[in-house]
Amino acid sequence: MSKGLSLWFSISSIILLTAAAISISYNAFIAIAFAILSVFNIGWGFMIKAKKRRS
């Protein structure tokens, strides 16, 4: 995976997890949604990394 792409996934994951942490005090459903999005984002990054490693 290129450095730019890995930087993108790391920053977007940090933003999503920060949004989940902030939204805990406002609305639990929004916090859960952000948490699920961050897990999918991290998983998507690992999937892309595995595909790039195979080729």
PDB file of N, CA and C in Angstrom:
ATOM      1  N   MET A   1       0.856  -1.167   0.000  1.00  0.00           N
ATOM      2  CA  MET A   1       0.000   0.000   0.000  1.00  0.00           C
ATOM      3  C   MET A   1       0.907   1.237   0.000  1.00  0.00           C
ATOM      4  N   SER A   2       0.534   2.215  -0.783  1.00  0.00           N
ATOM      5  CA  SER A   2       1.342   3.424  -0.851  1.00  0.00           C
ATOM      6  C   SER A   2       1.231   4.223   0.443  1.00  0.00           C
ATOM      7  N   LYS A   3       2.185   5.106   0.635  1.00  0.00           N
ATOM      8  CA  LYS A   3       2.195   5.902   1.864  1.00  0.00           C
ATOM      9  C   LYS A   3       1.004   6.850   1.925  1.00  0.00           C
ATOM     10  N   GLY A   4       0.621   7.381   0.788  1.00  0.00           N
ATOM     11  CA  GLY A   4      -0.518   8.290   0.760  1.00  0.00           C
ATOM     12  C   GLY A   4      -1.824   7.598   1.120  1.00  0.00           C
ATOM     13  N   LEU A   5      -1.983   6.386   0.596  1.00  0.00           N
ATOM     14  CA  LEU A   5      -3.202   5.633   0.878  1.00  0.00           C
ATOM     15  C   LEU A   5      -3.255   5.189   2.335  1.00  0.00           C
ATOM     16  N   SER A   6      -2.128   4.773   2.870  1.00  0.00           N
ATOM     17  CA  SER A   6      -2.113   4.380   4.280  1.00  0.00           C
ATOM     18  C   SER A   6      -2.331   5.589   5.185  1.00  0.00           C
ATOM     19  N   LEU A   7      -1.808   6.733   4.795  1.00  0.00           N
ATOM     20  CA  LEU A   7      -2.058   7.964   5.552  1.00  0.00           C
ATOM     21  C   LEU A   7      -3.533   8.320   5.517  1.00  0.00           C
ATOM     22  N   TRP A   8      -4.171   8.161   4.360  1.00  0.00           N
ATOM     23  CA  TRP A   8      -5.599   8.435   4.240  1.00  0.00           C
ATOM     24  C   TRP A   8      -6.420   7.554   5.177  1.00  0.00           C
ATOM     25  N   PHE A   9      -6.122   6.262   5.209  1.00  0.00           N
ATOM     26  CA  PHE A   9      -6.877   5.356   6.067  1.00  0.00           C
ATOM     27  C   PHE A   9      -6.627   5.639   7.541  1.00  0.00           C
ATOM     28  N   SER A  10      -5.414   5.999   7.893  1.00  0.00           N
ATOM     29  CA  SER A  10      -5.145   6.279   9.297  1.00  0.00           C
ATOM     30  C   SER A  10      -5.840   7.561   9.748  1.00  0.00           C
ATOM     31  N   ILE A  11      -5.789   8.590   8.947  1.00  0.00           N
ATOM     32  CA  ILE A  11      -6.426   9.857   9.330  1.00  0.00           C
ATOM     33  C   ILE A  11      -7.945   9.722   9.336  1.00  0.00           C
ATOM     34  N   SER A  12      -8.509   9.035   8.346  1.00  0.00           N
ATOM     35  CA  SER A  12      -9.962   8.882   8.328  1.00  0.00           C
ATOM     36  C   SER A  12     -10.443   8.017   9.488  1.00  0.00           C
ATOM     37  N   SER A  13      -9.671   7.033   9.884  1.00  0.00           N
ATOM     38  CA  SER A  13     -10.041   6.213  11.039  1.00  0.00           C
ATOM     39  C   SER A  13      -9.981   7.015  12.327  1.00  0.00           C
ATOM     40  N   ILE A  14      -8.969   7.854  12.460  1.00  0.00           N
ATOM     41  CA  ILE A  14      -8.858   8.705  13.644  1.00  0.00           C
ATOM     42  C   ILE A  14     -10.023   9.683  13.710  1.00  0.00           C
ATOM     43  N   ILE A  15     -10.398  10.251  12.580  1.00  0.00           N
ATOM     44  CA  ILE A  15     -11.524  11.194  12.550  1.00  0.00           C
ATOM     45  C   ILE A  15     -12.827  10.497  12.920  1.00  0.00           C
ATOM     46  N   LEU A  16     -13.053   9.307  12.375  1.00  0.00           N
ATOM     47  CA  LEU A  16     -14.278   8.572  12.690  1.00  0.00           C
ATOM     48  C   LEU A  16     -14.331   8.160  14.161  1.00  0.00           C
ATOM     49  N   LEU A  17     -13.212   7.693  14.711  1.00  0.00           N
ATOM     50  CA  LEU A  17     -13.194   7.306  16.117  1.00  0.00           C
ATOM     51  C   LEU A  17     -13.344   8.516  17.038  1.00  0.00           C
ATOM     52  N   THR A  18     -12.778   9.652  16.652  1.00  0.00           N
ATOM     53  CA  THR A  18     -12.952  10.880  17.430  1.00  0.00           C
ATOM     54  C   THR A  18     -14.401  11.336  17.389  1.00  0.00           C
ATOM     55  N   ALA A  19     -15.025  11.240  16.230  1.00  0.00           N
ATOM     56  CA  ALA A  19     -16.435  11.612  16.117  1.00  0.00           C
ATOM     57  C   ALA A  19     -17.308  10.686  16.963  1.00  0.00           C
ATOM     58  N   ALA A  20     -16.962   9.414  17.012  1.00  0.00           N
ATOM     59  CA  ALA A  20     -17.709   8.475  17.848  1.00  0.00           C
ATOM     60  C   ALA A  20     -17.543   8.825  19.318  1.00  0.00           C
ATOM     61  N   ALA A  21     -16.335   9.180  19.719  1.00  0.00           N
ATOM     62  CA  ALA A  21     -16.095   9.533  21.119  1.00  0.00           C
ATOM     63  C   ALA A  21     -16.830  10.809  21.511  1.00  0.00           C
ATOM     64  N   ILE A  22     -16.849  11.778  20.622  1.00  0.00           N
ATOM     65  CA  ILE A  22     -17.538  13.041  20.919  1.00  0.00           C
ATOM     66  C   ILE A  22     -19.045  12.841  20.951  1.00  0.00           C
ATOM     67  N   SER A  23     -19.562  12.017  20.044  1.00  0.00           N
ATOM     68  CA  SER A  23     -21.010  11.858  19.953  1.00  0.00           C
ATOM     69  C   SER A  23     -21.587  10.966  21.043  1.00  0.00           C
ATOM     70  N   ILE A  24     -20.751  10.336  21.856  1.00  0.00           N
ATOM     71  CA  ILE A  24     -21.268   9.516  22.960  1.00  0.00           C
ATOM     72  C   ILE A  24     -22.096  10.363  23.906  1.00  0.00           C
ATOM     73  N   SER A  25     -21.666  11.585  24.171  1.00  0.00           N
ATOM     74  CA  SER A  25     -22.393  12.430  25.113  1.00  0.00           C
ATOM     75  C   SER A  25     -23.671  13.015  24.510  1.00  0.00           C
ATOM     76  N   TYR A  26     -23.794  13.007  23.207  1.00  0.00           N
ATOM     77  CA  TYR A  26     -24.975  13.577  22.572  1.00  0.00           C
ATOM     78  C   TYR A  26     -26.035  12.532  22.246  1.00  0.00           C
ATOM     79  N   ASN A  27     -25.644  11.490  21.539  1.00  0.00           N
ATOM     80  CA  ASN A  27     -26.617  10.502  21.093  1.00  0.00           C
ATOM     81  C   ASN A  27     -25.907   9.155  20.934  1.00  0.00           C
ATOM     82  N   ALA A  28     -26.435   8.146  21.597  1.00  0.00           N
ATOM     83  CA  ALA A  28     -25.792   6.832  21.567  1.00  0.00           C
ATOM     84  C   ALA A  28     -25.892   6.183  20.191  1.00  0.00           C
ATOM     85  N   PHE A  29     -26.994   6.406  19.489  1.00  0.00           N
ATOM     86  CA  PHE A  29     -27.158   5.792  18.167  1.00  0.00           C
ATOM     87  C   PHE A  29     -26.162   6.353  17.165  1.00  0.00           C
ATOM     88  N   ILE A  30     -25.906   7.631  17.222  1.00  0.00           N
ATOM     89  CA  ILE A  30     -24.919   8.234  16.327  1.00  0.00           C
ATOM     90  C   ILE A  30     -23.522   7.723  16.676  1.00  0.00           C
ATOM     91  N   ALA A  31     -23.257   7.556  17.970  1.00  0.00           N
ATOM     92  CA  ALA A  31     -21.954   7.033  18.394  1.00  0.00           C
ATOM     93  C   ALA A  31     -21.751   5.608  17.892  1.00  0.00           C
ATOM     94  N   ILE A  32     -22.786   4.796  17.970  1.00  0.00           N
ATOM     95  CA  ILE A  32     -22.696   3.423  17.469  1.00  0.00           C
ATOM     96  C   ILE A  32     -22.486   3.421  15.958  1.00  0.00           C
ATOM     97  N   ALA A  33     -23.178   4.318  15.268  1.00  0.00           N
ATOM     98  CA  ALA A  33     -23.021   4.401  13.807  1.00  0.00           C
ATOM     99  C   ALA A  33     -21.596   4.788  13.432  1.00  0.00           C
ATOM    100  N   PHE A  34     -21.022   5.771  14.138  1.00  0.00           N
ATOM    101  CA  PHE A  34     -19.637   6.156  13.866  1.00  0.00           C
ATOM    102  C   PHE A  34     -18.673   5.026  14.196  1.00  0.00           C
ATOM    103  N   ALA A  35     -18.937   4.289  15.259  1.00  0.00           N
ATOM    104  CA  ALA A  35     -18.069   3.172  15.631  1.00  0.00           C
ATOM    105  C   ALA A  35     -18.103   2.077  14.562  1.00  0.00           C
ATOM    106  N   ILE A  36     -19.300   1.777  14.066  1.00  0.00           N
ATOM    107  CA  ILE A  36     -19.417   0.763  13.007  1.00  0.00           C
ATOM    108  C   ILE A  36     -18.729   1.240  11.730  1.00  0.00           C
ATOM    109  N   LEU A  37     -18.898   2.512  11.392  1.00  0.00           N
ATOM    110  CA  LEU A  37     -18.214   3.053  10.210  1.00  0.00           C
ATOM    111  C   LEU A  37     -16.701   2.985  10.363  1.00  0.00           C
ATOM    112  N   SER A  38     -16.203   3.265  11.545  1.00  0.00           N
ATOM    113  CA  SER A  38     -14.750   3.215  11.737  1.00  0.00           C
ATOM    114  C   SER A  38     -14.223   1.786  11.641  1.00  0.00           C
ATOM    115  N   VAL A  39     -14.970   0.812  12.143  1.00  0.00           N
ATOM    116  CA  VAL A  39     -14.551  -0.588  12.022  1.00  0.00           C
ATOM    117  C   VAL A  39     -14.531  -1.002  10.556  1.00  0.00           C
ATOM    118  N   PHE A  40     -15.558  -0.606   9.795  1.00  0.00           N
ATOM    119  CA  PHE A  40     -15.576  -0.919   8.367  1.00  0.00           C
ATOM    120  C   PHE A  40     -14.442  -0.218   7.626  1.00  0.00           C
ATOM    121  N   ASN A  41     -14.134   1.001   8.006  1.00  0.00           N
ATOM    122  CA  ASN A  41     -13.041   1.737   7.370  1.00  0.00           C
ATOM    123  C   ASN A  41     -11.701   1.053   7.630  1.00  0.00           C
ATOM    124  N   ILE A  42     -11.464   0.634   8.856  1.00  0.00           N
ATOM    125  CA  ILE A  42     -10.227  -0.065   9.185  1.00  0.00           C
ATOM    126  C   ILE A  42     -10.158  -1.402   8.443  1.00  0.00           C
ATOM    127  N   GLY A  43     -11.271  -2.120   8.408  1.00  0.00           N
ATOM    128  CA  GLY A  43     -11.316  -3.397   7.693  1.00  0.00           C
ATOM    129  C   GLY A  43     -11.083  -3.229   6.209  1.00  0.00           C
ATOM    130  N   TRP A  44     -11.642  -2.167   5.640  1.00  0.00           N
ATOM    131  CA  TRP A  44     -11.449  -1.890   4.214  1.00  0.00           C
ATOM    132  C   TRP A  44      -9.975  -1.606   3.928  1.00  0.00           C
ATOM    133  N   GLY A  45      -9.308  -0.904   4.845  1.00  0.00           N
ATOM    134  CA  GLY A  45      -7.885  -0.641   4.682  1.00  0.00           C
ATOM    135  C   GLY A  45      -7.068  -1.919   4.691  1.00  0.00           C
ATOM    136  N   PHE A  46      -7.410  -2.842   5.597  1.00  0.00           N
ATOM    137  CA  PHE A  46      -6.706  -4.119   5.629  1.00  0.00           C
ATOM    138  C   PHE A  46      -6.986  -4.939   4.376  1.00  0.00           C
ATOM    139  N   MET A  47      -8.207  -4.873   3.847  1.00  0.00           N
ATOM    140  CA  MET A  47      -8.524  -5.607   2.623  1.00  0.00           C
ATOM    141  C   MET A  47      -7.714  -5.074   1.443  1.00  0.00           C
ATOM    142  N   ILE A  48      -7.621  -3.772   1.325  1.00  0.00           N
ATOM    143  CA  ILE A  48      -6.842  -3.174   0.230  1.00  0.00           C
ATOM    144  C   ILE A  48      -5.365  -3.523   0.371  1.00  0.00           C
ATOM    145  N   LYS A  49      -4.868  -3.510   1.618  1.00  0.00           N
ATOM    146  CA  LYS A  49      -3.468  -3.864   1.857  1.00  0.00           C
ATOM    147  C   LYS A  49      -3.191  -5.307   1.446  1.00  0.00           C
ATOM    148  N   ALA A  50      -4.112  -6.210   1.754  1.00  0.00           N
ATOM    149  CA  ALA A  50      -3.933  -7.629   1.387  1.00  0.00           C
ATOM    150  C   ALA A  50      -3.990  -7.810  -0.128  1.00  0.00           C
ATOM    151  N   LYS A  51      -4.886  -7.089  -0.797  1.00  0.00           N
ATOM    152  CA  LYS A  51      -4.969  -7.200  -2.260  1.00  0.00           C
ATOM    153  C   LYS A  51      -3.722  -6.651  -2.929  1.00  0.00           C
ATOM    154  N   LYS A  52      -3.188  -5.546  -2.411  1.00  0.00           N
ATOM    155  CA  LYS A  52      -1.963  -4.977  -2.983  1.00  0.00           C
ATOM    156  C   LYS A  52      -0.772  -5.894  -2.741  1.00  0.00           C
ATOM    157  N   ARG A  53      -0.762  -6.599  -1.611  1.00  0.00           N
ATOM    158  CA  ARG A  53       0.350  -7.489  -1.294  1.00  0.00           C
ATOM    159  C   ARG A  53       0.357  -8.711  -2.211  1.00  0.00           C
ATOM    160  N   ARG A  54      -0.839  -9.211  -2.579  1.00  0.00           N
ATOM    161  CA  ARG A  54      -0.926 -10.380  -3.457  1.00  0.00           C
ATOM    162  C   ARG A  54      -0.430 -10.090  -4.856  1.00  0.00           C
ATOM    163  N   SER A  55      -0.729  -8.868  -5.346  1.00  0.00           N
ATOM    164  CA  SER A  55      -0.350  -8.587  -6.734  1.00  0.00           C
ATOM    165  C   SER A  55       1.035  -8.029  -6.882  1.00  0.00           C
TER     166      SER A  55
END
